[in-house]
Amino acid sequence: MKRIAILSITCITLLSACGEKPKQEEKAKTFVLSDTMKHMIEMDTVTTCNVTSELSLSGIVSFNDNNVVKVYPRSSGQVMETKVSLGDKITKGQVLAIIKSADVAGNYTDLASANADLAISQRQLDNVQSLYKNGISSEKELNEAKQNYEKSLSAKNKIQSLIAINGGGKTNSGGQYLVTAPIDGYIVEKKITAGAFIRPDMGDNLFTISNLKNVWVYANVYEADIAKIKEGFPVRVLPISYPDKVFTGKIDKVSQVLDPQSKAMKVRINIDNKDMTLKPDMFANVIVNNVQSEQTLCIPKAALIPEEGKNYVIIYTSDSDLKIAQVSVLKTVNDKAFITSGVSLGDKVISKNQILIFNQLTGQ
C-alpha cells in the first residue's frame, strides 16, 4: 500500500509539471541582406519618364545618293571588256571598262591630219621667215604664214582637248578608251556587260560608286501609323543578316506621298556604316521610338520579376527591410518598364540578382 501511494504521488507531480510548462513565443525570422549578397546586386531609383512607344517597320538598305559618283561613257561605242563586278572594292584611277569607239578613232584620225597640217604650216612659216630676212618676201606674206601656223596649231589643240575629254590620255589610236574610277569606293551599281553597245542618245550611267561609310535605310509606313512618324524620331535598325547588331539613327526625311501599289509612305533613315556591315538591298527591321508628352513612373526592365502572369519588384529600404511589391506595367520599351502602380517615386528597387532575394522572401 505504501508503494502504491508513492507511485500515485509521483505521477500526480509529473502531470502537474507538464501542465505548468511556459508557452514560448516563436520569433519571426527576418531576412537580412548579407555583405556578400550586397555586392552581387544593383539598385535603381524609381523616376518619372516620358512614355515611349515603339513602331516596328520593314526596311531595306540603300546607298546614300548624296555620297555616290555615277560614271558615264565619254563617247558612244561597244563595250569590249568590263574589269569589275557588282560589289567590288575599287581605287581611284582603276580601270572599270574598255570601250571601242568610232568617235575616238575618228578623233585620232583628225589629230593625225592636224599634225600634218601643222607640220606643213611650220615649214611654210620657216621658209617665209628666211626669205623675209633676205628681203625677198614681204611683211604681208610673213603675217599670212604666221596666221596659217596659228590656225593649224589651234586645230590640233582643239582635237587634243576633245581626246582628253574622251579619255584624258588613256586612249589609243585603235579607237579604244578606258573608263576609270574617279574615287575610291565600292561598285554599287553596274549597267553594262561585255559586247553591249552604247548609243549616242543613251544618257544612262555605266557604274555607280559609293564608299558605303554612310547609307540610307528606307522603311514603309502604312496609313494607320503615319501619325506616329515624324522627322527626327530616333530609330534602331536590326539587319536580318546580323540580328545581333543594332544600328542607331534618326528619321531624316518623310515622304509626302503614298506608293500607289503598296499604299505605304516611305521614310528615310541616315545610318553610319563605318564597319561596312550594311550592304545595299539588305532587308532590316526598323524600330521607331515615339517619345510622348505623357509621363509615368519608370524603372529598369531588368528589375521586373515575372511570376504566374504578374510582375513584382523588390523594394529596398535597408539591409533588413526588403519587401516584395506587385507592380502594374503599362508597357516595356527597350530597357525601360513604365509602371502605373505598386511603387512610389524615389523608391529603390533591386535590378540585378533580385530573384535570389525574391526566393528568400517567399521561402522558395
Foldseek 3Di string as FASTA:
>chain_A
DVVVVVVVVVVVVVVVVVVPDDDDDDDDDFAFFDPVVVVQWDKDFKAKFFDKDKDKWKKFWAADPVFKDFAAALAWFFWAAADDDAFDWDFFFAFGTKGFDPVLLVLVVQLVVLVVQLVVLVVLLVVQVVCVVVVNHDPVSNVVSVVSNVVSVVSNVVSVVSNCSNANPQDDNRRMHTGTHRHTFGFNDADDHHGDTGDRPDPDTGTMGGNLQKIKMKTWAAPVCPVQDDWFWKKWKQFPVHNVDIWIWTFHDWDPDADPPVNTTMTMTMTGCNVVPHGGGTMIMMMTMRGDPDMAIKDFPLQWDDDPNWTWWWWDDDSRDIDIWTWDFPDDDDGMTGTDDGDDGGTMTIRGPVVVVVCVVVVD
